[in-house]
Amino acid sequence: MSFKTVSDSEVTLTELMIPSYANFGGKVHGGIILSLMDKVAYVCASKHTGAYCVTANVSGVSFMAPVEVGDLVSLFASVNYVGTTSLMVGIKVVTENFKNQSVKHTNTSYFTFVALDDEGKPKKIPGLKLQNEVEIRRFVEGKLRKEYHQKNNKEFERIKKDCDNKVRIQILKNENCSVVE
């Protein structure tokens, strides 16, 4: 089996935030940031796998601070975890404002991709050669994030299946909603 280092596939994408990216509040629309995240994550995943990759999951999208028009946005992507045919890419978004000389961490997210062969079937991918404590921590956190997601999905499907309308109405009793009967 072949292995690649994290640095073999690290990607940085930098883009100036322009007025057409603004939402109604005058800040850069979150969808623009998500689109850039998806783009940089795809490039990182494809560099690691040497294959076409499809997004299987996006988790942990955090919007910690607004992005302003005029900010220079840099997205840093690296492979955090690899399985047999899938991998998790961590993304950190940092903005730089030239006007006030500030730099801030605005977003973090984790994208899971599946590598596909020429027939569109999942393809075995290279392992990850971990070279330092940060890479070891990120790999273990990626594995735990994947397991947590799988466990929660199974639990949610079980609960959803067992939840009839009486139970749903009971759950809604203390929520900020009104049920028209």
Protein backbone atom coordinates (compact mmCIF):
# COMPACT_ATOMS: atom_id res chain seq x y z
CA MET A 1 0.00 0.00 0.00
CA SER A 2 1.23 3.48 -0.80
CA PHE A 3 1.29 6.40 1.61
CA LYS A 4 1.36 10.16 1.11
CA THR A 5 2.20 12.88 3.58
CA VAL A 6 -0.26 15.58 4.61
CA SER A 7 1.95 18.19 2.92
CA ASP A 8 1.77 16.27 -0.40
CA SER A 9 -1.82 17.44 -0.88
CA GLU A 10 -2.16 20.63 1.17
CA VAL A 11 -3.89 23.40 -0.77
CA THR A 12 -4.35 27.12 -0.15
CA LEU A 13 -6.90 29.17 -2.08
CA THR A 14 -6.86 32.95 -1.70
CA GLU A 15 -9.53 35.25 -3.09
CA LEU A 16 -10.55 38.88 -2.71
CA MET A 17 -14.12 39.33 -1.53
CA ILE A 18 -15.91 41.60 -4.00
CA PRO A 19 -19.23 43.51 -3.73
CA SER A 20 -21.16 40.96 -5.82
CA TYR A 21 -20.48 38.40 -3.03
CA ALA A 22 -22.39 40.49 -0.45
CA ASN A 23 -25.69 39.41 1.09
CA PHE A 24 -28.54 41.73 2.14
CA GLY A 25 -26.68 42.54 5.36
CA GLY A 26 -23.64 43.80 3.48
CA LYS A 27 -21.43 40.87 4.55
CA VAL A 28 -20.08 38.14 2.27
CA HIS A 29 -22.79 35.52 1.77
CA GLY A 30 -22.14 32.26 3.61
CA GLY A 31 -22.87 30.35 0.41
CA ILE A 32 -19.87 31.99 -1.25
CA ILE A 33 -17.62 30.81 1.58
CA LEU A 34 -19.12 27.29 1.44
CA SER A 35 -18.56 27.14 -2.32
CA LEU A 36 -14.91 28.15 -1.89
CA MET A 37 -14.55 25.55 0.88
CA ASP A 38 -15.94 22.83 -1.39
CA LYS A 39 -13.59 23.86 -4.19
CA VAL A 40 -10.41 23.85 -2.07
CA ALA A 41 -11.43 20.61 -0.32
CA TYR A 42 -12.03 18.88 -3.66
CA VAL A 43 -8.58 19.88 -4.96
CA CYS A 44 -6.95 18.64 -1.75
CA ALA A 45 -8.83 15.31 -1.89
CA SER A 46 -8.05 14.79 -5.57
CA LYS A 47 -4.36 15.57 -5.04
CA HIS A 48 -4.19 12.92 -2.31
CA THR A 49 -6.16 10.24 -4.15
CA GLY A 50 -5.10 10.93 -7.72
CA ALA A 51 -8.75 10.41 -8.64
CA TYR A 52 -12.06 12.12 -9.17
CA CYS A 53 -13.71 12.59 -5.78
CA VAL A 54 -17.30 13.25 -4.78
CA THR A 55 -18.46 15.02 -1.63
CA ALA A 56 -20.07 12.52 0.73
CA ASN A 57 -20.50 14.68 3.82
CA VAL A 58 -19.92 18.17 5.12
CA SER A 59 -19.72 18.41 8.89
CA GLY A 60 -18.80 20.91 11.52
CA VAL A 61 -19.35 24.02 9.41
CA SER A 62 -18.63 26.87 11.81
CA PHE A 63 -19.19 30.52 10.96
CA MET A 64 -17.28 32.25 13.74
CA ALA A 65 -17.03 35.78 12.35
CA PRO A 66 -18.43 37.67 9.36
CA VAL A 67 -16.40 38.12 6.21
CA GLU A 68 -16.37 41.65 4.83
CA VAL A 69 -16.34 42.86 1.25
CA GLY A 70 -12.72 43.87 0.59
CA ASP A 71 -11.28 41.13 2.81
CA LEU A 72 -8.67 38.81 1.38
CA VAL A 73 -9.85 35.30 2.23
CA SER A 74 -7.44 32.37 2.44
CA LEU A 75 -8.72 28.81 2.73
CA PHE A 76 -6.24 26.22 4.00
CA ALA A 77 -7.12 22.59 3.25
CA SER A 78 -5.35 19.44 4.37
CA VAL A 79 -6.17 15.76 4.58
CA ASN A 80 -6.98 14.95 8.20
CA TYR A 81 -8.10 11.32 7.93
CA VAL A 82 -8.18 8.55 5.32
CA GLY A 83 -10.12 5.32 5.22
CA THR A 84 -10.06 2.73 2.46
CA THR A 85 -11.92 4.71 -0.23
CA SER A 86 -12.82 7.92 1.59
CA LEU A 87 -10.96 10.77 3.21
CA MET A 88 -11.72 13.78 5.40
CA VAL A 89 -10.35 17.19 4.52
CA GLY A 90 -10.14 19.89 7.20
CA ILE A 91 -10.50 23.51 6.12
CA LYS A 92 -9.55 26.67 7.97
CA VAL A 93 -10.65 30.03 6.59
CA VAL A 94 -8.73 33.16 7.53
CA THR A 95 -9.50 36.71 6.45
CA GLU A 96 -7.14 39.64 6.17
CA ASN A 97 -8.46 43.19 6.19
CA PHE A 98 -5.93 45.60 4.71
CA LYS A 99 -7.79 48.68 5.91
CA ASN A 100 -7.62 47.92 9.62
CA GLN A 101 -4.65 45.53 9.48
CA SER A 102 -6.62 42.67 11.05
CA VAL A 103 -6.42 38.94 10.52
CA LYS A 104 -9.16 36.63 11.82
CA HIS A 105 -10.10 32.97 11.71
CA THR A 106 -13.67 33.04 10.35
CA ASN A 107 -14.63 29.48 9.44
CA THR A 108 -13.77 25.84 9.97
CA SER A 109 -15.26 22.79 8.28
CA TYR A 110 -14.68 19.14 7.47
CA PHE A 111 -15.50 17.63 4.07
CA THR A 112 -15.59 13.89 3.48
CA PHE A 113 -14.98 12.66 -0.07
CA VAL A 114 -15.11 9.28 -1.76
CA ALA A 115 -12.58 8.59 -4.53
CA LEU A 116 -14.04 7.03 -7.68
CA ASP A 117 -12.44 4.97 -10.42
CA ASP A 118 -13.17 5.36 -14.13
CA GLU A 119 -16.34 3.26 -13.80
CA GLY A 120 -17.66 5.44 -10.96
CA LYS A 121 -16.99 2.85 -8.27
CA PRO A 122 -15.23 3.65 -4.97
CA LYS A 123 -11.47 3.38 -5.40
CA LYS A 124 -8.85 2.37 -2.84
CA ILE A 125 -6.76 5.39 -1.85
CA PRO A 126 -3.26 5.94 -0.45
CA GLY A 127 -2.77 5.89 3.29
CA LEU A 128 -1.64 8.94 5.22
CA LYS A 129 1.91 9.19 6.57
CA LEU A 130 1.64 11.07 9.88
CA GLN A 131 4.74 13.09 10.69
CA ASN A 132 3.96 15.08 13.84
CA GLU A 133 1.64 15.40 16.84
CA VAL A 134 -0.76 17.77 15.04
CA GLU A 135 -1.22 15.31 12.18
CA ILE A 136 -1.72 12.42 14.64
CA ARG A 137 -4.30 14.47 16.59
CA ARG A 138 -6.18 15.46 13.42
CA PHE A 139 -6.22 11.85 12.16
CA VAL A 140 -7.62 10.51 15.42
CA GLU A 141 -10.18 13.37 15.61
CA GLY A 142 -11.20 12.61 12.01
CA LYS A 143 -11.70 8.94 12.84
CA LEU A 144 -13.74 9.86 15.91
CA ARG A 145 -15.75 12.44 13.91
CA LYS A 146 -16.57 9.76 11.31
CA GLU A 147 -17.60 7.23 13.96
CA TYR A 148 -19.68 9.83 15.81
CA HIS A 149 -21.46 10.81 12.60
CA GLN A 150 -22.22 7.17 11.71
CA LYS A 151 -23.46 6.39 15.22
CA ASN A 152 -25.66 9.49 15.36
CA ASN A 153 -27.15 8.77 11.92
CA LYS A 154 -28.10 5.24 12.98
CA GLU A 155 -29.57 6.50 16.26
CA PHE A 156 -31.53 9.26 14.51
CA GLU A 157 -32.98 6.80 11.98
CA ARG A 158 -34.03 4.48 14.84
CA ILE A 159 -35.69 7.31 16.76
CA LYS A 160 -37.36 8.68 13.64
CA LYS A 161 -38.78 5.24 12.81
CA ASP A 162 -40.21 4.84 16.34
CA CYS A 163 -41.70 8.34 16.42
CA ASP A 164 -45.42 8.43 15.60
CA ASN A 165 -47.56 11.57 15.43
CA LYS A 166 -48.57 11.35 19.14
CA VAL A 167 -44.91 11.34 20.15
CA ARG A 168 -44.16 14.19 17.72
CA ILE A 169 -46.97 16.33 19.21
CA GLN A 170 -45.63 15.61 22.72
CA ILE A 171 -42.11 16.65 21.67
CA LEU A 172 -43.50 19.95 20.34
CA LYS A 173 -45.20 20.89 23.64
CA ASN A 174 -42.34 23.08 24.91
CA GLU A 175 -41.09 24.31 21.54
CA ASN A 176 -41.58 27.69 19.92
CA CYS A 177 -44.29 26.54 17.53
CA SER A 178 -48.05 26.20 17.28
CA VAL A 179 -49.78 23.12 15.91
CA VAL A 180 -53.00 23.76 14.02
CA GLU A 181 -55.42 20.93 14.71
